[in-house]
Every structure is written in C-alpha cells, then in structure tokens.
C-alpha atoms as a PDB file:
ATOM      1  CA  MET A   1       7.065   6.483  36.954  1.00  0.00           C
ATOM      2  CA  SER A   2       3.902   8.591  36.735  1.00  0.00           C
ATOM      3  CA  ARG A   3       2.431  10.067  33.532  1.00  0.00           C
ATOM      4  CA  GLY A   4       3.795  13.463  34.535  1.00  0.00           C
ATOM      5  CA  LEU A   5       7.420  12.482  34.037  1.00  0.00           C
ATOM      6  CA  ASN A   6      10.083  14.103  36.137  1.00  0.00           C
ATOM      7  CA  THR A   7      12.631  15.704  33.784  1.00  0.00           C
ATOM      8  CA  THR A   8      15.669  14.322  35.578  1.00  0.00           C
ATOM      9  CA  ALA A   9      14.158  10.845  35.741  1.00  0.00           C
ATOM     10  CA  TRP A  10      13.305  10.549  32.065  1.00  0.00           C
ATOM     11  CA  LEU A  11      16.658  11.978  30.996  1.00  0.00           C
ATOM     12  CA  THR A  12      18.370   9.312  33.074  1.00  0.00           C
ATOM     13  CA  VAL A  13      16.273   6.621  31.408  1.00  0.00           C
ATOM     14  CA  LEU A  14      17.010   7.908  27.903  1.00  0.00           C
ATOM     15  CA  VAL A  15      20.731   8.144  28.525  1.00  0.00           C
ATOM     16  CA  LEU A  16      20.884   4.633  29.966  1.00  0.00           C
ATOM     17  CA  GLY A  17      18.708   3.275  27.202  1.00  0.00           C
ATOM     18  CA  THR A  18      20.909   4.649  24.438  1.00  0.00           C
ATOM     19  CA  ALA A  19      24.399   4.497  25.931  1.00  0.00           C
ATOM     20  CA  GLY A  20      26.857   2.901  23.556  1.00  0.00           C
ATOM     21  CA  CYS A  21      24.134   2.375  21.002  1.00  0.00           C
ATOM     22  CA  LEU A  22      25.685   2.930  17.590  1.00  0.00           C
ATOM     23  CA  CYS A  23      25.618   0.245  14.934  1.00  0.00           C
ATOM     24  CA  PRO A  24      23.109  -1.151  15.641  1.00  0.00           C
ATOM     25  CA  CYS A  25      21.739  -1.172  19.196  1.00  0.00           C
ATOM     26  CA  PRO A  26      21.715  -4.459  21.102  1.00  0.00           C
ATOM     27  CA  ASN A  27      18.445  -6.277  20.376  1.00  0.00           C
ATOM     28  CA  GLY A  28      17.833  -3.727  17.627  1.00  0.00           C
ATOM     29  CA  VAL A  29      16.762  -4.283  14.038  1.00  0.00           C
ATOM     30  CA  MET A  30      18.416  -2.558  11.097  1.00  0.00           C
ATOM     31  CA  ALA A  31      16.409  -0.921   8.324  1.00  0.00           C
ATOM     32  CA  ALA A  32      17.783   0.637   5.167  1.00  0.00           C
ATOM     33  CA  ALA A  33      16.740   3.566   3.036  1.00  0.00           C
ATOM     34  CA  PRO A  34      16.341   2.949  -0.721  1.00  0.00           C
ATOM     35  CA  ALA A  35      19.751   2.022  -2.065  1.00  0.00           C
ATOM     36  CA  THR A  36      21.380   4.337  -4.568  1.00  0.00           C
ATOM     37  CA  ALA A  37      24.942   4.722  -5.736  1.00  0.00           C
ATOM     38  CA  GLY A  38      27.182   6.384  -3.190  1.00  0.00           C
ATOM     39  CA  GLY A  39      24.879   7.598  -0.467  1.00  0.00           C
ATOM     40  CA  THR A  40      27.262  10.390   0.538  1.00  0.00           C
ATOM     41  CA  ILE A  41      26.006  13.704   1.860  1.00  0.00           C
ATOM     42  CA  PRO A  42      27.168  17.012   0.400  1.00  0.00           C
ATOM     43  CA  GLY A  43      28.847  19.067   3.095  1.00  0.00           C
ATOM     44  CA  ALA A  44      30.538  16.159   4.853  1.00  0.00           C
ATOM     45  CA  ALA A  45      33.153  16.815   7.509  1.00  0.00           C
ATOM     46  CA  GLY A  46      35.316  19.842   6.790  1.00  0.00           C
ATOM     47  CA  ALA A  47      33.011  21.474   4.245  1.00  0.00           C
ATOM     48  CA  SER A  48      31.913  25.100   4.238  1.00  0.00           C
ATOM     49  CA  VAL A  49      28.339  26.212   4.863  1.00  0.00           C
ATOM     50  CA  ALA A  50      25.901  24.990   2.224  1.00  0.00           C
ATOM     51  CA  THR A  51      24.398  27.433  -0.245  1.00  0.00           C
ATOM     52  CA  GLY A  52      21.615  29.347   1.452  1.00  0.00           C
ATOM     53  CA  GLY A  53      22.850  28.290   4.889  1.00  0.00           C
ATOM     54  CA  ARG A  54      20.905  25.004   4.829  1.00  0.00           C
ATOM     55  CA  LEU A  55      22.385  21.536   4.368  1.00  0.00           C
ATOM     56  CA  VAL A  56      19.780  18.828   3.753  1.00  0.00           C
ATOM     57  CA  LEU A  57      20.888  15.619   5.463  1.00  0.00           C
ATOM     58  CA  TRP A  58      17.916  13.365   4.737  1.00  0.00           C
ATOM     59  CA  ASP A  59      14.610  14.173   3.044  1.00  0.00           C
ATOM     60  CA  GLY A  60      13.215  11.076   1.333  1.00  0.00           C
ATOM     61  CA  ASP A  61      13.737  12.803  -2.008  1.00  0.00           C
ATOM     62  CA  GLY A  62      17.343  11.794  -2.588  1.00  0.00           C
ATOM     63  CA  ALA A  63      19.445  13.389   0.154  1.00  0.00           C
ATOM     64  CA  GLY A  64      20.968  10.777   2.449  1.00  0.00           C
ATOM     65  CA  ASN A  65      19.867   7.761   0.429  1.00  0.00           C
ATOM     66  CA  GLY A  66      22.658   5.657   1.904  1.00  0.00           C
ATOM     67  CA  ALA A  67      21.131   5.909   5.388  1.00  0.00           C
ATOM     68  CA  GLN A  68      20.281   2.882   7.505  1.00  0.00           C
ATOM     69  CA  GLY A  69      18.485   2.580  10.804  1.00  0.00           C
ATOM     70  CA  TRP A  70      18.181   0.515  13.941  1.00  0.00           C
ATOM     71  CA  ASP A  71      15.403   0.154  16.482  1.00  0.00           C
ATOM     72  CA  ALA A  72      15.390  -1.080  20.052  1.00  0.00           C
ATOM     73  CA  CYS A  73      13.137  -1.457  23.067  1.00  0.00           C
ATOM     74  CA  ASP A  74      13.106  -2.946  26.549  1.00  0.00           C
ATOM     75  CA  ALA A  75      13.333  -6.640  25.754  1.00  0.00           C
ATOM     76  CA  LYS A  76      10.402  -7.659  27.943  1.00  0.00           C
ATOM     77  CA  ALA A  77       8.390  -4.455  27.848  1.00  0.00           C
ATOM     78  CA  GLY A  78       7.518  -3.461  24.286  1.00  0.00           C
ATOM     79  CA  CYS A  79       8.479  -3.177  20.684  1.00  0.00           C
ATOM     80  CA  SER A  80       9.911  -0.555  18.339  1.00  0.00           C
ATOM     81  CA  LYS A  81      10.333  -0.748  14.575  1.00  0.00           C
ATOM     82  CA  VAL A  82      11.951   1.739  12.203  1.00  0.00           C
ATOM     83  CA  GLY A  83      11.990   1.944   8.426  1.00  0.00           C
ATOM     84  CA  ILE A  84      11.187   4.155   5.494  1.00  0.00           C
ATOM     85  CA  ASP A  85       7.547   4.812   4.642  1.00  0.00           C
ATOM     86  CA  SER A  86       6.609   5.806   1.115  1.00  0.00           C
ATOM     87  CA  GLY A  87       4.013   8.538   0.682  1.00  0.00           C
ATOM     88  CA  SER A  88       3.964   9.732   4.290  1.00  0.00           C
ATOM     89  CA  GLY A  89       6.535  12.539   3.990  1.00  0.00           C
ATOM     90  CA  THR A  90       5.811  16.240   4.269  1.00  0.00           C
ATOM     91  CA  ASN A  91       5.420  16.575   0.517  1.00  0.00           C
ATOM     92  CA  GLY A  92       3.984  13.123  -0.118  1.00  0.00           C
ATOM     93  CA  SER A  93       7.387  11.532  -0.613  1.00  0.00           C
ATOM     94  CA  THR A  94       9.127   9.276   1.907  1.00  0.00           C
ATOM     95  CA  SER A  95       9.653   9.660   5.642  1.00  0.00           C
ATOM     96  CA  VAL A  96      11.428   7.718   8.356  1.00  0.00           C
ATOM     97  CA  LYS A  97       8.764   5.890  10.356  1.00  0.00           C
ATOM     98  CA  MET A  98       9.196   4.605  13.885  1.00  0.00           C
ATOM     99  CA  HIS A  99       6.425   2.384  15.203  1.00  0.00           C
ATOM    100  CA  GLY A 100       6.246   2.226  18.981  1.00  0.00           C
ATOM    101  CA  ASP A 101       4.172  -0.356  20.818  1.00  0.00           C
ATOM    102  CA  GLY A 102       4.359  -0.943  24.558  1.00  0.00           C
ATOM    103  CA  PRO A 103       5.751   0.541  27.782  1.00  0.00           C
ATOM    104  CA  GLY A 104       9.326   1.217  28.768  1.00  0.00           C
ATOM    105  CA  TYR A 105      12.092   2.377  26.449  1.00  0.00           C
ATOM    106  CA  LEU A 106      11.325   2.653  22.726  1.00  0.00           C
ATOM    107  CA  GLY A 107      14.017   4.084  20.485  1.00  0.00           C
ATOM    108  CA  MET A 108      15.545   4.352  17.040  1.00  0.00           C
ATOM    109  CA  GLY A 109      18.624   5.579  15.231  1.00  0.00           C
ATOM    110  CA  TRP A 110      19.076   6.757  11.652  1.00  0.00           C
ATOM    111  CA  ASN A 111      22.681   6.590  10.477  1.00  0.00           C
ATOM    112  CA  LEU A 112      23.127   8.975   7.565  1.00  0.00           C
ATOM    113  CA  PHE A 113      25.985   6.960   6.058  1.00  0.00           C
ATOM    114  CA  GLY A 114      24.905   3.403   6.792  1.00  0.00           C
ATOM    115  CA  TRP A 115      27.917   3.184   9.146  1.00  0.00           C
ATOM    116  CA  TYR A 116      30.378   3.234   6.248  1.00  0.00           C
ATOM    117  CA  PRO A 117      33.063   4.362   6.030  1.00  0.00           C
ATOM    118  CA  GLU A 118      33.693   4.253   9.762  1.00  0.00           C
ATOM    119  CA  ASN A 119      35.015   7.819   9.798  1.00  0.00           C
ATOM    120  CA  ALA A 120      32.106   9.302   7.821  1.00  0.00           C
ATOM    121  CA  GLY A 121      30.377  12.339   9.249  1.00  0.00           C
ATOM    122  CA  VAL A 122      28.901  15.767   8.744  1.00  0.00           C
ATOM    123  CA  ASP A 123      30.598  18.822  10.203  1.00  0.00           C
ATOM    124  CA  LEU A 124      27.945  20.710  12.170  1.00  0.00           C
ATOM    125  CA  THR A 125      30.279  23.439  13.424  1.00  0.00           C
ATOM    126  CA  PRO A 126      29.416  25.973  10.679  1.00  0.00           C
ATOM    127  CA  TYR A 127      25.704  25.691  11.509  1.00  0.00           C
ATOM    128  CA  THR A 128      23.546  26.985  14.348  1.00  0.00           C
ATOM    129  CA  HIS A 129      20.529  24.660  14.310  1.00  0.00           C
ATOM    130  CA  LEU A 130      19.584  21.065  13.597  1.00  0.00           C
ATOM    131  CA  THR A 131      16.097  21.043  12.100  1.00  0.00           C
ATOM    132  CA  PHE A 132      13.615  18.352  11.145  1.00  0.00           C
ATOM    133  CA  GLN A 133       9.924  17.739  10.665  1.00  0.00           C
ATOM    134  CA  ILE A 134       8.082  15.441  13.074  1.00  0.00           C
ATOM    135  CA  ARG A 135       4.577  14.009  13.102  1.00  0.00           C
ATOM    136  CA  VAL A 136       2.977  11.605  15.585  1.00  0.00           C
ATOM    137  CA  GLU A 137       0.056   9.401  14.607  1.00  0.00           C
ATOM    138  CA  ALA A 138      -1.998   7.660  17.311  1.00  0.00           C
ATOM    139  CA  LYS A 139      -5.599   6.547  17.739  1.00  0.00           C
ATOM    140  CA  SER A 140      -5.974   8.627  20.898  1.00  0.00           C
ATOM    141  CA  PRO A 141      -3.904  11.040  23.039  1.00  0.00           C
ATOM    142  CA  ALA A 142      -3.406   8.200  25.512  1.00  0.00           C
ATOM    143  CA  ASP A 143      -1.788   6.070  22.799  1.00  0.00           C
ATOM    144  CA  ALA A 144       0.634   8.822  21.740  1.00  0.00           C
ATOM    145  CA  PRO A 145       4.007   9.049  23.471  1.00  0.00           C
ATOM    146  CA  GLU A 146       4.113  11.393  26.435  1.00  0.00           C
ATOM    147  CA  PRO A 147       5.451  14.629  24.906  1.00  0.00           C
ATOM    148  CA  ALA A 148       7.906  15.264  27.743  1.00  0.00           C
ATOM    149  CA  SER A 149       9.438  11.804  27.245  1.00  0.00           C
ATOM    150  CA  VAL A 150      10.442  12.199  23.597  1.00  0.00           C
ATOM    151  CA  GLY A 151      14.107  13.113  23.267  1.00  0.00           C
ATOM    152  CA  VAL A 152      16.543  13.640  20.416  1.00  0.00           C
ATOM    153  CA  LEU A 153      20.228  12.827  20.677  1.00  0.00           C
ATOM    154  CA  LEU A 154      23.050  12.474  18.171  1.00  0.00           C
ATOM    155  CA  GLY A 155      25.879  10.051  17.560  1.00  0.00           C
ATOM    156  CA  CYS A 156      29.303  10.827  16.104  1.00  0.00           C
ATOM    157  CA  SER A 157      31.810   8.603  14.338  1.00  0.00           C
ATOM    158  CA  ARG A 158      35.090  10.076  15.608  1.00  0.00           C
ATOM    159  CA  ASN A 159      35.020   9.394  19.344  1.00  0.00           C
ATOM    160  CA  LYS A 160      31.700   7.562  19.740  1.00  0.00           C
ATOM    161  CA  ASN A 161      30.571   9.939  22.521  1.00  0.00           C
ATOM    162  CA  ASP A 162      26.830  10.637  22.409  1.00  0.00           C
ATOM    163  CA  SER A 163      25.402  14.127  22.519  1.00  0.00           C
ATOM    164  CA  ALA A 164      23.162  15.423  25.259  1.00  0.00           C
ATOM    165  CA  THR A 165      19.474  14.503  24.954  1.00  0.00           C
ATOM    166  CA  VAL A 166      17.151  17.355  23.987  1.00  0.00           C
ATOM    167  CA  THR A 167      13.387  17.215  24.492  1.00  0.00           C
ATOM    168  CA  VAL A 168      11.331  17.738  21.335  1.00  0.00           C
ATOM    169  CA  GLU A 169       8.523  19.405  23.288  1.00  0.00           C
ATOM    170  CA  ARG A 170      10.798  22.291  24.229  1.00  0.00           C
ATOM    171  CA  TYR A 171      10.978  23.328  20.572  1.00  0.00           C
ATOM    172  CA  ALA A 172       7.644  22.058  19.225  1.00  0.00           C
ATOM    173  CA  LYS A 173       4.715  22.437  21.595  1.00  0.00           C
ATOM    174  CA  GLY A 174       1.796  20.148  20.793  1.00  0.00           C
ATOM    175  CA  PHE A 175       3.791  18.026  18.356  1.00  0.00           C
ATOM    176  CA  THR A 176       1.754  14.882  19.142  1.00  0.00           C
ATOM    177  CA  ASP A 177      -1.417  16.309  17.546  1.00  0.00           C
ATOM    178  CA  GLY A 178      -1.094  14.338  14.291  1.00  0.00           C
ATOM    179  CA  LYS A 179       0.215  17.273  12.244  1.00  0.00           C
ATOM    180  CA  TRP A 180       3.684  18.016  10.925  1.00  0.00           C
ATOM    181  CA  HIS A 181       5.799  20.276  13.123  1.00  0.00           C
ATOM    182  CA  LYS A 182       9.177  21.770  12.291  1.00  0.00           C
ATOM    183  CA  VAL A 183      11.651  21.381  15.152  1.00  0.00           C
ATOM    184  CA  GLU A 184      14.610  23.776  15.308  1.00  0.00           C
ATOM    185  CA  ILE A 185      17.133  22.813  17.964  1.00  0.00           C
ATOM    186  CA  PRO A 186      20.200  24.994  18.598  1.00  0.00           C
ATOM    187  CA  ILE A 187      23.205  22.773  17.948  1.00  0.00           C
ATOM    188  CA  ALA A 188      24.832  24.120  21.112  1.00  0.00           C
ATOM    189  CA  MET A 189      22.187  22.256  23.155  1.00  0.00           C
ATOM    190  CA  PHE A 190      23.675  18.924  22.085  1.00  0.00           C
ATOM    191  CA  THR A 191      27.057  19.697  23.652  1.00  0.00           C
ATOM    192  CA  LYS A 192      25.814  20.731  27.087  1.00  0.00           C
ATOM    193  CA  GLY A 193      26.239  18.568  30.182  1.00  0.00           C
ATOM    194  CA  SER A 194      26.534  14.892  29.223  1.00  0.00           C
ATOM    195  CA  GLY A 195      27.192  15.935  25.611  1.00  0.00           C
ATOM    196  CA  ALA A 196      30.371  17.898  26.363  1.00  0.00           C
ATOM    197  CA  LYS A 197      32.548  15.315  24.588  1.00  0.00           C
ATOM    198  CA  PHE A 198      30.296  14.894  21.563  1.00  0.00           C
ATOM    199  CA  ASP A 199      32.233  15.613  18.358  1.00  0.00           C
ATOM    200  CA  LEU A 200      30.320  18.132  16.231  1.00  0.00           C
ATOM    201  CA  GLY A 201      32.713  17.530  13.356  1.00  0.00           C
ATOM    202  CA  SER A 202      31.630  13.926  12.723  1.00  0.00           C
ATOM    203  CA  PHE A 203      27.859  13.789  13.269  1.00  0.00           C
ATOM    204  CA  TRP A 204      26.470  10.723  11.563  1.00  0.00           C
ATOM    205  CA  GLU A 205      23.486   9.392  13.513  1.00  0.00           C
ATOM    206  CA  PHE A 206      20.143  10.942  14.485  1.00  0.00           C
ATOM    207  CA  ARG A 207      18.263   9.234  17.330  1.00  0.00           C
ATOM    208  CA  ILE A 208      14.859   9.332  18.987  1.00  0.00           C
ATOM    209  CA  ALA A 209      14.260   7.893  22.466  1.00  0.00           C
ATOM    210  CA  THR A 210      11.038   7.662  24.471  1.00  0.00           C
ATOM    211  CA  TRP A 211      10.083   6.114  27.787  1.00  0.00           C
ATOM    212  CA  SER A 212       6.807   5.478  29.601  1.00  0.00           C
ATOM    213  CA  SER A 213       5.664   3.315  32.486  1.00  0.00           C
ATOM    214  CA  SER A 214       2.397   2.588  30.664  1.00  0.00           C
ATOM    215  CA  PRO A 215       1.854   1.092  27.179  1.00  0.00           C
ATOM    216  CA  HIS A 216       1.677   3.433  24.197  1.00  0.00           C
ATOM    217  CA  HIS A 217       0.874   2.668  20.568  1.00  0.00           C
ATOM    218  CA  PHE A 218       1.919   5.134  17.897  1.00  0.00           C
ATOM    219  CA  ASN A 219       3.729   5.913  14.673  1.00  0.00           C
ATOM    220  CA  LEU A 220       6.328   8.675  14.727  1.00  0.00           C
ATOM    221  CA  TYR A 221       7.485  10.159  11.414  1.00  0.00           C
ATOM    222  CA  ILE A 222      10.660  12.162  10.705  1.00  0.00           C
ATOM    223  CA  ASP A 223      11.374  14.095   7.509  1.00  0.00           C
ATOM    224  CA  ASP A 224      13.534  16.922   6.150  1.00  0.00           C
ATOM    225  CA  LEU A 225      16.473  16.516   8.525  1.00  0.00           C
ATOM    226  CA  ALA A 226      18.859  19.426   7.944  1.00  0.00           C
ATOM    227  CA  ALA A 227      21.603  21.593   9.401  1.00  0.00           C
ATOM    228  CA  GLU A 228      20.873  25.317   9.170  1.00  0.00           C
ATOM    229  CA  LYS A 229      22.755  28.517   9.804  1.00  0.00           C
ATOM    230  CA  GLN A 230      20.155  30.961  11.130  1.00  0.00           C
END
C-alpha cells in the first residue's frame, strides 16, 4: 500500500486488525494504570449527564485509575507497546503512551474498567462527543504514523460489537506535529456503517489502530479522555 493510503483500504485493514480484540488482543501485552481502590468511573451505565456536561473517563489525575491496556501488532512486521507514562500528560501528570515501531498494523486498547466486572460500562447516550488529547512524538515526519492511517474505535461490554473506526485526522488536522491536540468526535460517528450494532450504553474500551506498508517509529500519547454534551 502506498504512503497516500486509500481510505477504504486502510479502514479494511483497521477493522480486520482489531476484530474481536477485547481482553486482551491475541499476541497483545496488558498494561495497567496505577492501582487504586475501586477504579470505577462516575457516570457509569444508566447515569445522567455529568455536571457541566463533561464526564472525565481517564485523565492521569485520578479518573479511571482502574484502567488496563493491551497492545498488538502484526506478529512478523513490527511492535507496539502501551502503558502509562508519568510526567508526559497535558498538565505534566500522566498520559497513556503507545510506542509504535515497524510496518503493518500497530494498535492498542485502554479498558476503562480493567475488564471487571464483565458488564461494566459508561453510558454515552446522554453525550454528543467523545473527546481526548493526542500528541505524536517522532524524530522526523517520516517516522511519525501516516495521519490518514490513525483511527479510533470503541469497544463495549454488553454485546462485544465494535464501533465504526473514525480517523483522527478528520477532527485534528496536523496532529502529528509533536504538540497536543484536542480531538472532538461526534459520538454518532461511532455507530455508522460497521458500528451500527455497537452498544453506546456499555462503552468500556478506547482503541487506537494504525497501519503502514513502511516502518514507522513513534510515541503516541493520549490524555483527558472524556464524554461531553456540546
């Protein structure tokens, strides 16, 4: 596949690469956030809209401290590693860091509940947007992931159907420039097409998927994951 990725082609790759990938992905590695008592998220399934219309799901400052992650890549093509990274967050706190190294599929998942209990989840139906901060760190533009290949998709606990994949670039132009960018994705985008059966009432896993025919070497940081009513 050429550097100018065809939208249909990369979507197909991302869907195939993440299908059935919940807890954790095959060949994936689990990584945990700092352990604290409970780890539950205010505003779990069935709750009303959070005060101010914004529900913080994970921020490295305490929200979502029960989260755990997995990482996965094409077995013979590259490597991906996910974990928490102290001091690299938007306010100098903690972020989720995905290290990508190689060609092919590189992906991660961040389960807000650590996969327990099995019916845990956040009800996204009262909200209009899923928002988060993203930053990409690479030695050169060639080492950074191809912007058009970076997709976000969600997992749910109730029926295990994945959401549709949404390209980050559509909502954050130039996000691979090394700076923090706030991404605001309409929640309705996750239920279009292949995401028609995704259960908005039991969202519990945030995922990033990338694909490239050539090797890339980068760190991708996520912080301040939230549901917002705009």
